[in-house]
Amino acid sequence: NEYQELIDKWEEKYRQTKGELNLYKGKYLEFMVWNHLKNAHKNQELYKNMLLGLPEEFVYDEYKQILSYTAPPLNPVQFQIDVYAKPKLDGYALIGEVKNRSKDSPFTIDEARAFMKKAEELMKIEKIKKTILFVVSMGGFRNNALDFIKNNGVAWSSDDRWLERQTKGML
């Protein structure tokens, strides 16, 4: 009985620590995506290869601001967006969902639907007219989720280069 209590205690501690680690892994990928997007306009071809499903005419712009977006406190719908990149000029705004998980936990259709609802709300609040939605998922995508985002014009990636530090070849 004493041993079982110890096992239970350490299993709970393990679950908490693993949850914390996953949170930090997600924040790290968000940060890396932000940094890559700051310089994507300097290497269009590379970044168009890293993010699939972009419209033919799409060009990465310089962004005046790249951040995580949280709904204003009085907004009836509360949500958080991982990546919101505002273009300096009249280019596309980028709105992204980022997941840094293992391959055994791919992005799901429920997550895709939830992301699209959040993105629609952000576009309404910020009055965004020209936008690209995207999902970066290091764990890949379930087939139905990938079909769903493709059918809804959402760009996608599971390219490991998002996790790499930028080198001169990337700029």
Protein backbone atom coordinates (compact mmCIF):
# COMPACT_ATOMS: atom_id res chain seq x y z
CA ASN A 1 0.00 0.00 0.00
CA GLU A 2 2.84 2.37 0.90
CA TYR A 3 4.58 1.53 -2.38
CA GLN A 4 1.40 2.10 -4.36
CA GLU A 5 1.04 5.57 -2.81
CA LEU A 6 4.62 6.38 -3.83
CA ILE A 7 4.02 5.09 -7.36
CA ASP A 8 0.81 7.14 -7.64
CA LYS A 9 2.59 10.24 -6.35
CA TRP A 10 5.45 9.90 -8.86
CA GLU A 11 3.12 9.08 -11.74
CA GLU A 12 1.19 12.29 -11.03
CA LYS A 13 4.44 14.25 -10.84
CA TYR A 14 5.51 12.70 -14.16
CA ARG A 15 2.20 13.69 -15.84
CA GLN A 16 2.53 17.26 -14.57
CA THR A 17 6.14 17.53 -15.73
CA LYS A 18 5.30 16.04 -19.13
CA GLY A 19 2.45 18.56 -19.52
CA GLU A 20 4.79 21.41 -18.67
CA LEU A 21 7.39 20.13 -21.15
CA ASN A 22 4.75 19.94 -23.91
CA LEU A 23 3.70 23.52 -23.17
CA TYR A 24 7.31 24.71 -23.54
CA LYS A 25 7.78 22.69 -26.73
CA GLY A 26 4.72 24.41 -28.19
CA LYS A 27 5.92 27.87 -27.17
CA TYR A 28 9.34 27.13 -28.65
CA LEU A 29 7.84 26.24 -32.02
CA GLU A 30 5.67 29.39 -31.92
CA PHE A 31 8.79 31.46 -31.30
CA MET A 32 10.66 29.74 -34.14
CA VAL A 33 7.78 30.28 -36.59
CA TRP A 34 7.66 33.98 -35.63
CA ASN A 35 11.39 34.31 -36.24
CA HIS A 36 11.24 32.55 -39.58
CA LEU A 37 8.33 34.72 -40.73
CA LYS A 38 10.30 37.88 -39.91
CA ASN A 39 12.73 36.96 -42.69
CA ALA A 40 10.57 34.86 -45.03
CA HIS A 41 10.30 37.75 -47.52
CA LYS A 42 14.07 37.41 -48.12
CA ASN A 43 13.83 33.76 -49.24
CA GLN A 44 10.44 33.27 -50.89
CA GLU A 45 11.22 29.92 -52.50
CA LEU A 46 12.42 28.24 -49.31
CA TYR A 47 9.44 29.33 -47.24
CA LYS A 48 6.92 28.53 -49.98
CA ASN A 49 8.38 25.00 -49.95
CA MET A 50 8.05 24.82 -46.16
CA LEU A 51 4.38 25.89 -46.12
CA LEU A 52 2.19 23.95 -48.55
CA GLY A 53 -1.17 24.90 -50.01
CA LEU A 54 -0.43 28.60 -50.47
CA PRO A 55 -2.22 30.42 -53.30
CA GLU A 56 -0.20 30.72 -56.51
CA GLU A 57 0.03 34.53 -56.23
CA PHE A 58 1.10 34.50 -52.56
CA VAL A 59 4.23 36.46 -51.64
CA TYR A 60 5.67 36.68 -48.13
CA ASP A 61 5.69 40.32 -47.09
CA GLU A 62 7.60 42.15 -44.44
CA TYR A 63 5.47 42.05 -41.33
CA LYS A 64 5.14 45.05 -39.03
CA GLN A 65 4.12 42.80 -36.17
CA ILE A 66 4.21 39.06 -35.46
CA LEU A 67 2.64 37.95 -32.22
CA SER A 68 0.33 35.64 -30.36
CA TYR A 69 -3.18 37.09 -30.28
CA THR A 70 -5.63 36.89 -27.40
CA ALA A 71 -9.23 38.08 -27.76
CA PRO A 72 -10.03 41.35 -25.98
CA PRO A 73 -11.49 40.77 -22.50
CA LEU A 74 -14.98 42.05 -23.39
CA ASN A 75 -15.23 40.09 -26.62
CA PRO A 76 -18.10 37.57 -26.33
CA VAL A 77 -15.88 34.79 -27.73
CA GLN A 78 -12.60 34.21 -25.87
CA PHE A 79 -9.75 32.60 -27.81
CA GLN A 80 -6.01 32.61 -28.41
CA ILE A 81 -4.21 32.47 -31.77
CA ASP A 82 -0.60 31.21 -31.86
CA VAL A 83 0.65 33.31 -34.78
CA TYR A 84 -0.76 36.56 -36.13
CA ALA A 85 1.47 38.38 -38.63
CA LYS A 86 0.32 41.84 -39.76
CA PRO A 87 1.84 42.93 -43.09
CA LYS A 88 3.59 46.30 -43.33
CA LEU A 89 1.80 47.15 -46.56
CA ASP A 90 -1.29 45.72 -48.23
CA GLY A 91 -0.19 42.07 -48.26
CA TYR A 92 -1.68 38.99 -46.69
CA ALA A 93 -2.04 38.77 -42.93
CA LEU A 94 -1.00 35.33 -41.67
CA ILE A 95 -2.99 33.55 -38.97
CA GLY A 96 -1.51 30.30 -37.74
CA GLU A 97 -1.98 27.37 -35.38
CA VAL A 98 1.20 25.67 -34.17
CA LYS A 99 1.52 22.19 -32.62
CA ASN A 100 4.86 20.70 -31.58
CA ARG A 101 3.90 17.11 -30.82
CA SER A 102 5.23 13.67 -31.57
CA LYS A 103 4.11 11.70 -34.64
CA ASP A 104 1.73 9.61 -32.51
CA SER A 105 -0.37 12.71 -31.78
CA PRO A 106 -1.19 14.32 -35.16
CA PHE A 107 -3.37 17.38 -35.74
CA THR A 108 -7.06 16.42 -35.77
CA ILE A 109 -10.13 17.59 -37.66
CA ASP A 110 -11.66 18.88 -34.40
CA GLU A 111 -8.57 21.05 -33.87
CA ALA A 112 -8.82 22.26 -37.48
CA ARG A 113 -12.47 23.26 -37.02
CA ALA A 114 -11.72 25.03 -33.72
CA PHE A 115 -8.79 26.91 -35.29
CA MET A 116 -10.92 28.09 -38.21
CA LYS A 117 -13.59 29.42 -35.81
CA LYS A 118 -10.93 31.32 -33.83
CA ALA A 119 -9.40 32.70 -37.03
CA GLU A 120 -12.81 33.89 -38.28
CA GLU A 121 -13.36 35.71 -35.00
CA LEU A 122 -9.91 37.36 -35.22
CA MET A 123 -10.61 38.47 -38.82
CA LYS A 124 -13.88 40.03 -37.65
CA ILE A 125 -12.32 41.83 -34.66
CA GLU A 126 -9.30 43.14 -36.59
CA LYS A 127 -11.26 43.73 -39.84
CA ILE A 128 -8.77 41.66 -41.85
CA LYS A 129 -9.68 41.42 -45.52
CA LYS A 130 -6.72 39.56 -47.02
CA THR A 131 -5.47 36.58 -45.05
CA ILE A 132 -3.85 33.18 -45.22
CA LEU A 133 -4.64 30.63 -42.52
CA PHE A 134 -1.99 28.01 -41.81
CA VAL A 135 -1.22 25.11 -39.49
CA VAL A 136 2.28 23.92 -38.57
CA SER A 137 2.10 20.50 -36.89
CA MET A 138 5.33 18.63 -36.19
CA GLY A 139 3.29 15.50 -35.45
CA GLY A 140 1.71 15.58 -38.89
CA PHE A 141 -2.00 15.49 -39.67
CA ARG A 142 -4.74 12.90 -39.51
CA ASN A 143 -5.99 12.22 -43.04
CA ASN A 144 -9.42 13.71 -42.45
CA ALA A 145 -7.86 16.83 -40.88
CA LEU A 146 -5.54 17.33 -43.84
CA ASP A 147 -8.42 16.87 -46.29
CA PHE A 148 -10.49 19.35 -44.28
CA ILE A 149 -7.84 22.07 -44.21
CA LYS A 150 -7.02 21.59 -47.91
CA ASN A 151 -10.72 21.87 -48.81
CA ASN A 152 -10.96 25.07 -46.77
CA GLY A 153 -7.91 26.75 -48.30
CA VAL A 154 -5.74 26.48 -45.19
CA ALA A 155 -1.98 26.11 -45.77
CA TRP A 156 -0.13 23.41 -43.82
CA SER A 157 3.31 22.14 -42.86
CA SER A 158 5.04 19.48 -40.83
CA ASP A 159 8.47 20.55 -42.11
CA ASP A 160 11.22 20.18 -39.49
CA ARG A 161 12.98 23.29 -40.81
CA TRP A 162 10.60 25.43 -38.74
CA LEU A 163 12.50 24.13 -35.70
CA GLU A 164 15.92 25.05 -37.12
CA ARG A 165 17.72 28.23 -36.25
CA GLN A 166 18.04 30.50 -39.22
CA THR A 167 21.32 30.32 -41.06
CA LYS A 168 22.73 32.51 -43.80
CA GLY A 169 21.36 30.04 -46.35
CA MET A 170 17.84 30.67 -45.04
CA LEU A 171 18.07 34.45 -45.27
